[in-house]
PDB file of N, CA and C in Angstrom:
ATOM      1  N   MET A   1      24.460 -33.313  13.009  1.00  0.00           N
ATOM      2  CA  MET A   1      23.328 -32.434  12.784  1.00  0.00           C
ATOM      3  C   MET A   1      23.805 -31.200  12.013  1.00  0.00           C
ATOM      4  N   LYS A   2      23.093 -30.856  10.948  1.00  0.00           N
ATOM      5  CA  LYS A   2      23.477 -29.728  10.103  1.00  0.00           C
ATOM      6  C   LYS A   2      22.899 -28.436  10.674  1.00  0.00           C
ATOM      7  N   LYS A   3      23.752 -27.420  10.830  1.00  0.00           N
ATOM      8  CA  LYS A   3      23.298 -26.135  11.347  1.00  0.00           C
ATOM      9  C   LYS A   3      22.826 -25.252  10.203  1.00  0.00           C
ATOM     10  N   SER A   4      21.840 -24.431  10.470  1.00  0.00           N
ATOM     11  CA  SER A   4      21.371 -23.526   9.413  1.00  0.00           C
ATOM     12  C   SER A   4      22.377 -22.397   9.220  1.00  0.00           C
ATOM     13  N   VAL A   5      22.291 -21.761   8.071  1.00  0.00           N
ATOM     14  CA  VAL A   5      23.242 -20.696   7.719  1.00  0.00           C
ATOM     15  C   VAL A   5      23.164 -19.546   8.711  1.00  0.00           C
ATOM     16  N   SER A   6      21.963 -19.221   9.164  1.00  0.00           N
ATOM     17  CA  SER A   6      21.837 -18.088  10.072  1.00  0.00           C
ATOM     18  C   SER A   6      22.508 -18.351  11.418  1.00  0.00           C
ATOM     19  N   ILE A   7      22.514 -19.582  11.846  1.00  0.00           N
ATOM     20  CA  ILE A   7      23.189 -19.909  13.105  1.00  0.00           C
ATOM     21  C   ILE A   7      24.701 -19.857  12.909  1.00  0.00           C
ATOM     22  N   ILE A   8      25.171 -20.313  11.768  1.00  0.00           N
ATOM     23  CA  ILE A   8      26.606 -20.340  11.500  1.00  0.00           C
ATOM     24  C   ILE A   8      27.176 -18.929  11.386  1.00  0.00           C
ATOM     25  N   ASN A   9      26.531 -18.067  10.586  1.00  0.00           N
ATOM     26  CA  ASN A   9      27.104 -16.741  10.373  1.00  0.00           C
ATOM     27  C   ASN A   9      26.488 -15.662  11.265  1.00  0.00           C
ATOM     28  N   GLY A  10      25.509 -16.009  12.071  1.00  0.00           N
ATOM     29  CA  GLY A  10      24.945 -15.058  13.025  1.00  0.00           C
ATOM     30  C   GLY A  10      24.007 -14.034  12.429  1.00  0.00           C
ATOM     31  N   LYS A  11      23.589 -14.226  11.180  1.00  0.00           N
ATOM     32  CA  LYS A  11      22.690 -13.265  10.553  1.00  0.00           C
ATOM     33  C   LYS A  11      21.256 -13.749  10.647  1.00  0.00           C
ATOM     34  N   LYS A  12      20.353 -12.775  10.741  1.00  0.00           N
ATOM     35  CA  LYS A  12      18.934 -13.107  10.719  1.00  0.00           C
ATOM     36  C   LYS A  12      18.536 -13.481   9.307  1.00  0.00           C
ATOM     37  N   GLY A  13      17.659 -14.428   9.179  1.00  0.00           N
ATOM     38  CA  GLY A  13      17.162 -14.807   7.867  1.00  0.00           C
ATOM     39  C   GLY A  13      15.865 -14.086   7.554  1.00  0.00           C
ATOM     40  N   GLY A  14      15.416 -14.173   6.329  1.00  0.00           N
ATOM     41  CA  GLY A  14      14.139 -13.587   5.931  1.00  0.00           C
ATOM     42  C   GLY A  14      14.254 -12.122   5.578  1.00  0.00           C
ATOM     43  N   ARG A  15      13.078 -11.512   5.418  1.00  0.00           N
ATOM     44  CA  ARG A  15      13.029 -10.097   5.062  1.00  0.00           C
ATOM     45  C   ARG A  15      13.443  -9.218   6.240  1.00  0.00           C
ATOM     46  N   PRO A  16      14.077  -8.094   5.946  1.00  0.00           N
ATOM     47  CA  PRO A  16      14.424  -7.183   7.043  1.00  0.00           C
ATOM     48  C   PRO A  16      13.165  -6.539   7.614  1.00  0.00           C
ATOM     49  N   ASP A  17      13.168  -6.265   8.891  1.00  0.00           N
ATOM     50  CA  ASP A  17      12.044  -5.601   9.540  1.00  0.00           C
ATOM     51  C   ASP A  17      11.947  -4.172   9.046  1.00  0.00           C
ATOM     52  N   GLY A  18      10.726  -3.668   8.951  1.00  0.00           N
ATOM     53  CA  GLY A  18      10.530  -2.273   8.583  1.00  0.00           C
ATOM     54  C   GLY A  18      11.023  -1.374   9.702  1.00  0.00           C
ATOM     55  N   SER A  19      11.423  -0.199   9.352  1.00  0.00           N
ATOM     56  CA  SER A  19      11.933   0.724  10.353  1.00  0.00           C
ATOM     57  C   SER A  19      10.828   1.100  11.332  1.00  0.00           C
ATOM     58  N   LYS A  20      11.152   1.150  12.589  1.00  0.00           N
ATOM     59  CA  LYS A  20      10.177   1.538  13.607  1.00  0.00           C
ATOM     60  C   LYS A  20       9.917   3.038  13.581  1.00  0.00           C
ATOM     61  N   TYR A  21      10.799   3.758  12.900  1.00  0.00           N
ATOM     62  CA  TYR A  21      10.692   5.206  12.906  1.00  0.00           C
ATOM     63  C   TYR A  21       9.973   5.767  11.675  1.00  0.00           C
ATOM     64  N   VAL A  22       9.598   4.902  10.740  1.00  0.00           N
ATOM     65  CA  VAL A  22       8.852   5.343   9.568  1.00  0.00           C
ATOM     66  C   VAL A  22       7.392   5.461   9.967  1.00  0.00           C
ATOM     67  N   THR A  23       6.857   6.657   9.847  1.00  0.00           N
ATOM     68  CA  THR A  23       5.471   6.865  10.247  1.00  0.00           C
ATOM     69  C   THR A  23       4.563   6.830   9.026  1.00  0.00           C
ATOM     70  N   THR A  24       3.308   6.552   9.281  1.00  0.00           N
ATOM     71  CA  THR A  24       2.347   6.526   8.192  1.00  0.00           C
ATOM     72  C   THR A  24       1.926   7.947   7.851  1.00  0.00           C
ATOM     73  N   PHE A  25       1.541   8.124   6.621  1.00  0.00           N
ATOM     74  CA  PHE A  25       1.128   9.419   6.111  1.00  0.00           C
ATOM     75  C   PHE A  25      -0.389   9.489   6.190  1.00  0.00           C
ATOM     76  N   VAL A  26      -0.913  10.535   6.786  1.00  0.00           N
ATOM     77  CA  VAL A  26      -2.358  10.683   6.966  1.00  0.00           C
ATOM     78  C   VAL A  26      -2.920  11.485   5.798  1.00  0.00           C
ATOM     79  N   VAL A  27      -3.835  10.861   5.063  1.00  0.00           N
ATOM     80  CA  VAL A  27      -4.508  11.515   3.947  1.00  0.00           C
ATOM     81  C   VAL A  27      -5.903  11.902   4.435  1.00  0.00           C
ATOM     82  N   PRO A  28      -6.292  13.176   4.316  1.00  0.00           N
ATOM     83  CA  PRO A  28      -7.616  13.584   4.781  1.00  0.00           C
ATOM     84  C   PRO A  28      -8.730  12.819   4.063  1.00  0.00           C
ATOM     85  N   GLY A  29      -9.673  12.304   4.823  1.00  0.00           N
ATOM     86  CA  GLY A  29     -10.802  11.568   4.269  1.00  0.00           C
ATOM     87  C   GLY A  29     -10.535  10.093   4.043  1.00  0.00           C
ATOM     88  N   ILE A  30      -9.310   9.658   4.195  1.00  0.00           N
ATOM     89  CA  ILE A  30      -8.940   8.256   4.014  1.00  0.00           C
ATOM     90  C   ILE A  30      -8.565   7.705   5.386  1.00  0.00           C
ATOM     91  N   ASN A  31      -9.277   6.667   5.819  1.00  0.00           N
ATOM     92  CA  ASN A  31      -9.081   6.168   7.182  1.00  0.00           C
ATOM     93  C   ASN A  31      -8.223   4.912   7.278  1.00  0.00           C
ATOM     94  N   LEU A  32      -8.359   4.005   6.330  1.00  0.00           N
ATOM     95  CA  LEU A  32      -7.741   2.687   6.492  1.00  0.00           C
ATOM     96  C   LEU A  32      -6.520   2.431   5.616  1.00  0.00           C
ATOM     97  N   VAL A  33      -6.279   3.231   4.597  1.00  0.00           N
ATOM     98  CA  VAL A  33      -5.136   3.017   3.712  1.00  0.00           C
ATOM     99  C   VAL A  33      -3.873   3.501   4.417  1.00  0.00           C
ATOM    100  N   ILE A  34      -2.870   2.627   4.464  1.00  0.00           N
ATOM    101  CA  ILE A  34      -1.627   2.945   5.160  1.00  0.00           C
ATOM    102  C   ILE A  34      -0.497   3.070   4.138  1.00  0.00           C
ATOM    103  N   LEU A  35       0.099   4.239   4.080  1.00  0.00           N
ATOM    104  CA  LEU A  35       1.263   4.516   3.239  1.00  0.00           C
ATOM    105  C   LEU A  35       2.221   5.400   4.032  1.00  0.00           C
ATOM    106  N   THR A  36       3.498   5.334   3.701  1.00  0.00           N
ATOM    107  CA  THR A  36       4.431   6.293   4.264  1.00  0.00           C
ATOM    108  C   THR A  36       4.388   7.552   3.393  1.00  0.00           C
ATOM    109  N   GLU A  37       4.946   8.620   3.889  1.00  0.00           N
ATOM    110  CA  GLU A  37       4.962   9.859   3.117  1.00  0.00           C
ATOM    111  C   GLU A  37       5.762   9.689   1.830  1.00  0.00           C
ATOM    112  N   HIS A  38       6.857   8.952   1.911  1.00  0.00           N
ATOM    113  CA  HIS A  38       7.683   8.702   0.726  1.00  0.00           C
ATOM    114  C   HIS A  38       6.894   7.915  -0.326  1.00  0.00           C
ATOM    115  N   GLN A  39       6.169   6.893   0.098  1.00  0.00           N
ATOM    116  CA  GLN A  39       5.357   6.108  -0.825  1.00  0.00           C
ATOM    117  C   GLN A  39       4.259   6.963  -1.451  1.00  0.00           C
ATOM    118  N   TYR A  40       3.627   7.796  -0.648  1.00  0.00           N
ATOM    119  CA  TYR A  40       2.579   8.679  -1.161  1.00  0.00           C
ATOM    120  C   TYR A  40       3.139   9.622  -2.222  1.00  0.00           C
ATOM    121  N   ASN A  41       4.304  10.187  -1.968  1.00  0.00           N
ATOM    122  CA  ASN A  41       4.925  11.097  -2.934  1.00  0.00           C
ATOM    123  C   ASN A  41       5.289  10.389  -4.234  1.00  0.00           C
ATOM    124  N   ILE A  42       5.774   9.159  -4.145  1.00  0.00           N
ATOM    125  CA  ILE A  42       6.092   8.378  -5.341  1.00  0.00           C
ATOM    126  C   ILE A  42       4.827   8.136  -6.163  1.00  0.00           C
ATOM    127  N   LEU A  43       3.746   7.747  -5.498  1.00  0.00           N
ATOM    128  CA  LEU A  43       2.494   7.475  -6.202  1.00  0.00           C
ATOM    129  C   LEU A  43       1.905   8.742  -6.803  1.00  0.00           C
ATOM    130  N   ALA A  44       2.010   9.857  -6.093  1.00  0.00           N
ATOM    131  CA  ALA A  44       1.497  11.126  -6.615  1.00  0.00           C
ATOM    132  C   ALA A  44       2.269  11.550  -7.853  1.00  0.00           C
ATOM    133  N   GLU A  45       3.563  11.312  -7.857  1.00  0.00           N
ATOM    134  CA  GLU A  45       4.379  11.655  -9.024  1.00  0.00           C
ATOM    135  C   GLU A  45       4.077  10.716 -10.198  1.00  0.00           C
ATOM    136  N   ARG A  46       3.865   9.446  -9.904  1.00  0.00           N
ATOM    137  CA  ARG A  46       3.643   8.457 -10.950  1.00  0.00           C
ATOM    138  C   ARG A  46       2.260   8.602 -11.603  1.00  0.00           C
ATOM    139  N   TYR A  47       1.216   8.799 -10.799  1.00  0.00           N
ATOM    140  CA  TYR A  47      -0.149   8.774 -11.317  1.00  0.00           C
ATOM    141  C   TYR A  47      -0.827  10.149 -11.353  1.00  0.00           C
ATOM    142  N   GLY A  48      -0.310  11.107 -10.633  1.00  0.00           N
ATOM    143  CA  GLY A  48      -0.957  12.412 -10.530  1.00  0.00           C
ATOM    144  C   GLY A  48      -1.935  12.406  -9.356  1.00  0.00           C
ATOM    145  N   LEU A  49      -2.128  13.565  -8.747  1.00  0.00           N
ATOM    146  CA  LEU A  49      -2.964  13.640  -7.551  1.00  0.00           C
ATOM    147  C   LEU A  49      -4.431  13.286  -7.780  1.00  0.00           C
ATOM    148  N   PRO A  50      -5.087  13.750  -8.854  1.00  0.00           N
ATOM    149  CA  PRO A  50      -6.506  13.397  -9.006  1.00  0.00           C
ATOM    150  C   PRO A  50      -6.746  11.882  -9.109  1.00  0.00           C
ATOM    151  N   LEU A  51      -5.914  11.197  -9.884  1.00  0.00           N
ATOM    152  CA  LEU A  51      -6.065   9.748 -10.024  1.00  0.00           C
ATOM    153  C   LEU A  51      -5.705   9.032  -8.730  1.00  0.00           C
ATOM    154  N   LEU A  52      -4.678   9.508  -8.048  1.00  0.00           N
ATOM    155  CA  LEU A  52      -4.280   8.892  -6.784  1.00  0.00           C
ATOM    156  C   LEU A  52      -5.369   9.049  -5.736  1.00  0.00           C
ATOM    157  N   LYS A  53      -5.977  10.211  -5.649  1.00  0.00           N
ATOM    158  CA  LYS A  53      -7.044  10.411  -4.661  1.00  0.00           C
ATOM    159  C   LYS A  53      -8.229   9.495  -4.947  1.00  0.00           C
ATOM    160  N   LYS A  54      -8.558   9.302  -6.218  1.00  0.00           N
ATOM    161  CA  LYS A  54      -9.634   8.393  -6.596  1.00  0.00           C
ATOM    162  C   LYS A  54      -9.275   6.966  -6.201  1.00  0.00           C
ATOM    163  N   ALA A  55      -8.029   6.556  -6.467  1.00  0.00           N
ATOM    164  CA  ALA A  55      -7.573   5.208  -6.121  1.00  0.00           C
ATOM    165  C   ALA A  55      -7.563   5.003  -4.608  1.00  0.00           C
ATOM    166  N   LEU A  56      -7.164   6.024  -3.860  1.00  0.00           N
ATOM    167  CA  LEU A  56      -7.165   5.923  -2.398  1.00  0.00           C
ATOM    168  C   LEU A  56      -8.583   5.740  -1.862  1.00  0.00           C
ATOM    169  N   SER A  57      -9.533   6.465  -2.426  1.00  0.00           N
ATOM    170  CA  SER A  57     -10.915   6.326  -1.949  1.00  0.00           C
ATOM    171  C   SER A  57     -11.487   4.956  -2.305  1.00  0.00           C
ATOM    172  N   ILE A  58     -11.135   4.421  -3.484  1.00  0.00           N
ATOM    173  CA  ILE A  58     -11.591   3.084  -3.876  1.00  0.00           C
ATOM    174  C   ILE A  58     -11.033   2.038  -2.922  1.00  0.00           C
ATOM    175  N   LEU A  59      -9.742   2.115  -2.641  1.00  0.00           N
ATOM    176  CA  LEU A  59      -9.117   1.134  -1.745  1.00  0.00           C
ATOM    177  C   LEU A  59      -9.643   1.269  -0.326  1.00  0.00           C
ATOM    178  N   ASP A  60      -9.867   2.487   0.134  1.00  0.00           N
ATOM    179  CA  ASP A  60     -10.393   2.697   1.475  1.00  0.00           C
ATOM    180  C   ASP A  60     -11.791   2.089   1.616  1.00  0.00           C
ATOM    181  N   GLU A  61     -12.618   2.276   0.615  1.00  0.00           N
ATOM    182  CA  GLU A  61     -13.966   1.705   0.642  1.00  0.00           C
ATOM    183  C   GLU A  61     -13.903   0.180   0.619  1.00  0.00           C
ATOM    184  N   TRP A  62     -12.994  -0.370  -0.182  1.00  0.00           N
ATOM    185  CA  TRP A  62     -12.836  -1.823  -0.254  1.00  0.00           C
ATOM    186  C   TRP A  62     -12.373  -2.390   1.084  1.00  0.00           C
ATOM    187  N   LEU A  63     -11.448  -1.702   1.734  1.00  0.00           N
ATOM    188  CA  LEU A  63     -10.971  -2.166   3.040  1.00  0.00           C
ATOM    189  C   LEU A  63     -12.085  -2.142   4.084  1.00  0.00           C
ATOM    190  N   GLN A  64     -12.987  -1.184   3.973  1.00  0.00           N
ATOM    191  CA  GLN A  64     -14.089  -1.079   4.930  1.00  0.00           C
ATOM    192  C   GLN A  64     -15.154  -2.146   4.706  1.00  0.00           C
ATOM    193  N   LYS A  65     -15.494  -2.420   3.441  1.00  0.00           N
ATOM    194  CA  LYS A  65     -16.676  -3.223   3.151  1.00  0.00           C
ATOM    195  C   LYS A  65     -16.407  -4.674   2.775  1.00  0.00           C
ATOM    196  N   SER A  66     -15.267  -4.975   2.246  1.00  0.00           N
ATOM    197  CA  SER A  66     -15.006  -6.318   1.745  1.00  0.00           C
ATOM    198  C   SER A  66     -14.497  -7.244   2.843  1.00  0.00           C
ATOM    199  N   PRO A  67     -15.012  -8.470   2.893  1.00  0.00           N
ATOM    200  CA  PRO A  67     -14.453  -9.426   3.862  1.00  0.00           C
ATOM    201  C   PRO A  67     -13.007  -9.793   3.538  1.00  0.00           C
ATOM    202  N   VAL A  68     -12.654  -9.777   2.257  1.00  0.00           N
ATOM    203  CA  VAL A  68     -11.265 -10.044   1.869  1.00  0.00           C
ATOM    204  C   VAL A  68     -10.380  -8.870   2.274  1.00  0.00           C
ATOM    205  N   GLY A  69     -10.908  -7.662   2.181  1.00  0.00           N
ATOM    206  CA  GLY A  69     -10.152  -6.470   2.535  1.00  0.00           C
ATOM    207  C   GLY A  69      -9.775  -6.411   4.000  1.00  0.00           C
ATOM    208  N   SER A  70     -10.536  -7.103   4.831  1.00  0.00           N
ATOM    209  CA  SER A  70     -10.231  -7.077   6.262  1.00  0.00           C
ATOM    210  C   SER A  70      -8.875  -7.713   6.572  1.00  0.00           C
ATOM    211  N   ARG A  71      -8.385  -8.561   5.675  1.00  0.00           N
ATOM    212  CA  ARG A  71      -7.060  -9.164   5.895  1.00  0.00           C
ATOM    213  C   ARG A  71      -5.939  -8.146   5.718  1.00  0.00           C
ATOM    214  N   TYR A  72      -6.221  -7.050   5.023  1.00  0.00           N
ATOM    215  CA  TYR A  72      -5.198  -6.051   4.721  1.00  0.00           C
ATOM    216  C   TYR A  72      -5.283  -4.827   5.627  1.00  0.00           C
ATOM    217  N   LYS A  73      -6.209  -4.820   6.563  1.00  0.00           N
ATOM    218  CA  LYS A  73      -6.314  -3.688   7.494  1.00  0.00           C
ATOM    219  C   LYS A  73      -5.119  -3.703   8.438  1.00  0.00           C
ATOM    220  N   GLY A  74      -4.581  -2.529   8.692  1.00  0.00           N
ATOM    221  CA  GLY A  74      -3.467  -2.408   9.624  1.00  0.00           C
ATOM    222  C   GLY A  74      -2.116  -2.718   8.999  1.00  0.00           C
ATOM    223  N   LYS A  75      -2.094  -2.974   7.691  1.00  0.00           N
ATOM    224  CA  LYS A  75      -0.843  -3.268   7.003  1.00  0.00           C
ATOM    225  C   LYS A  75      -0.590  -2.198   5.956  1.00  0.00           C
ATOM    226  N   ASN A  76       0.650  -2.077   5.536  1.00  0.00           N
ATOM    227  CA  ASN A  76       0.992  -1.110   4.504  1.00  0.00           C
ATOM    228  C   ASN A  76       0.360  -1.545   3.185  1.00  0.00           C
ATOM    229  N   ASN A  77      -0.279  -0.614   2.490  1.00  0.00           N
ATOM    230  CA  ASN A  77      -1.034  -0.924   1.280  1.00  0.00           C
ATOM    231  C   ASN A  77      -0.353  -0.469  -0.001  1.00  0.00           C
ATOM    232  N   TYR A  78       0.921  -0.214   0.026  1.00  0.00           N
ATOM    233  CA  TYR A  78       1.638   0.274  -1.150  1.00  0.00           C
ATOM    234  C   TYR A  78       1.568  -0.713  -2.313  1.00  0.00           C
ATOM    235  N   ALA A  79       1.578  -2.000  -2.038  1.00  0.00           N
ATOM    236  CA  ALA A  79       1.583  -3.015  -3.097  1.00  0.00           C
ATOM    237  C   ALA A  79       0.294  -3.015  -3.911  1.00  0.00           C
ATOM    238  N   HIS A  80      -0.785  -2.469  -3.386  1.00  0.00           N
ATOM    239  CA  HIS A  80      -2.048  -2.418  -4.127  1.00  0.00           C
ATOM    240  C   HIS A  80      -2.010  -1.410  -5.276  1.00  0.00           C
ATOM    241  N   PHE A  81      -1.026  -0.559  -5.326  1.00  0.00           N
ATOM    242  CA  PHE A  81      -0.986   0.517  -6.311  1.00  0.00           C
ATOM    243  C   PHE A  81      -0.067   0.205  -7.493  1.00  0.00           C
ATOM    244  N   ARG A  82       0.023  -1.054  -7.875  1.00  0.00           N
ATOM    245  CA  ARG A  82       0.780  -1.413  -9.070  1.00  0.00           C
ATOM    246  C   ARG A  82       0.085  -0.839 -10.296  1.00  0.00           C
ATOM    247  N   SER A  83       0.846  -0.545 -11.321  1.00  0.00           N
ATOM    248  CA  SER A  83       0.264   0.055 -12.524  1.00  0.00           C
ATOM    249  C   SER A  83      -0.695  -0.894 -13.234  1.00  0.00           C
ATOM    250  N   ASP A  84      -0.508  -2.198 -13.061  1.00  0.00           N
ATOM    251  CA  ASP A  84      -1.426  -3.153 -13.669  1.00  0.00           C
ATOM    252  C   ASP A  84      -2.392  -3.756 -12.647  1.00  0.00           C
ATOM    253  N   GLY A  85      -2.484  -3.152 -11.473  1.00  0.00           N
ATOM    254  CA  GLY A  85      -3.342  -3.663 -10.416  1.00  0.00           C
ATOM    255  C   GLY A  85      -4.777  -3.185 -10.542  1.00  0.00           C
ATOM    256  N   TRP A  86      -5.657  -3.832  -9.812  1.00  0.00           N
ATOM    257  CA  TRP A  86      -7.083  -3.526  -9.918  1.00  0.00           C
ATOM    258  C   TRP A  86      -7.420  -2.151  -9.376  1.00  0.00           C
ATOM    259  N   VAL A  87      -6.715  -1.674  -8.366  1.00  0.00           N
ATOM    260  CA  VAL A  87      -7.043  -0.369  -7.777  1.00  0.00           C
ATOM    261  C   VAL A  87      -6.816   0.750  -8.793  1.00  0.00           C
ATOM    262  N   ILE A  88      -5.682   0.741  -9.442  1.00  0.00           N
ATOM    263  CA  ILE A  88      -5.374   1.777 -10.421  1.00  0.00           C
ATOM    264  C   ILE A  88      -6.281   1.651 -11.643  1.00  0.00           C
ATOM    265  N   ASN A  89      -6.559   0.429 -12.089  1.00  0.00           N
ATOM    266  CA  ASN A  89      -7.452   0.249 -13.241  1.00  0.00           C
ATOM    267  C   ASN A  89      -8.863   0.743 -12.948  1.00  0.00           C
ATOM    268  N   GLU A  90      -9.375   0.459 -11.751  1.00  0.00           N
ATOM    269  CA  GLU A  90     -10.697   0.966 -11.361  1.00  0.00           C
ATOM    270  C   GLU A  90     -10.706   2.485 -11.317  1.00  0.00           C
ATOM    271  N   ALA A  91      -9.658   3.060 -10.758  1.00  0.00           N
ATOM    272  CA  ALA A  91      -9.576   4.518 -10.655  1.00  0.00           C
ATOM    273  C   ALA A  91      -9.517   5.160 -12.034  1.00  0.00           C
ATOM    274  N   LYS A  92      -8.762   4.551 -12.954  1.00  0.00           N
ATOM    275  CA  LYS A  92      -8.675   5.084 -14.315  1.00  0.00           C
ATOM    276  C   LYS A  92     -10.034   5.037 -15.001  1.00  0.00           C
ATOM    277  N   GLN A  93     -10.762   3.929 -14.839  1.00  0.00           N
ATOM    278  CA  GLN A  93     -12.089   3.815 -15.449  1.00  0.00           C
ATOM    279  C   GLN A  93     -13.052   4.855 -14.891  1.00  0.00           C
ATOM    280  N   MET A  94     -13.052   5.029 -13.585  1.00  0.00           N
ATOM    281  CA  MET A  94     -13.939   6.012 -12.973  1.00  0.00           C
ATOM    282  C   MET A  94     -13.533   7.430 -13.341  1.00  0.00           C
ATOM    283  N   PHE A  95     -12.249   7.664 -13.444  1.00  0.00           N
ATOM    284  CA  PHE A  95     -11.738   8.986 -13.789  1.00  0.00           C
ATOM    285  C   PHE A  95     -12.114   9.339 -15.229  1.00  0.00           C
ATOM    286  N   ILE A  96     -12.041   8.383 -16.135  1.00  0.00           N
ATOM    287  CA  ILE A  96     -12.407   8.608 -17.535  1.00  0.00           C
ATOM    288  C   ILE A  96     -13.908   8.853 -17.662  1.00  0.00           C
ATOM    289  N   GLN A  97     -14.710   8.135 -16.883  1.00  0.00           N
ATOM    290  CA  GLN A  97     -16.163   8.304 -16.938  1.00  0.00           C
ATOM    291  C   GLN A  97     -16.591   9.689 -16.458  1.00  0.00           C
ATOM    292  N   GLN A  98     -15.824  10.287 -15.552  1.00  0.00           N
ATOM    293  CA  GLN A  98     -16.164  11.610 -15.042  1.00  0.00           C
ATOM    294  C   GLN A  98     -15.904  12.687 -16.088  1.00  0.00           C
ATOM    295  N   ILE A  99     -14.964  12.441 -16.981  1.00  0.00           N
ATOM    296  CA  ILE A  99     -14.594  13.461 -17.979  1.00  0.00           C
ATOM    297  C   ILE A  99     -15.578  13.521 -19.085  1.00  0.00           C
TER     298      ILE A  99
END
């Protein structure tokens, strides 16, 4: 019988667990979007605060109202903020329309 690598070398397989000590960052007016403070700071530097706040409100509304969004409740939402992702593109369109 062939043993798996993790049994042989005693290491856990798969992705490492997230730190239990990393807390989520609370953004006023945003209830369901989960980010750490470090992630929030990275996004604020990358996109600027006005665009980030618009994107956060779009994602928060989607998490509340969409049946697909319910799968992402309670999980970290950093991956939704890709530069080519729908959240940032929607925020850019709405931000341009306001100007």
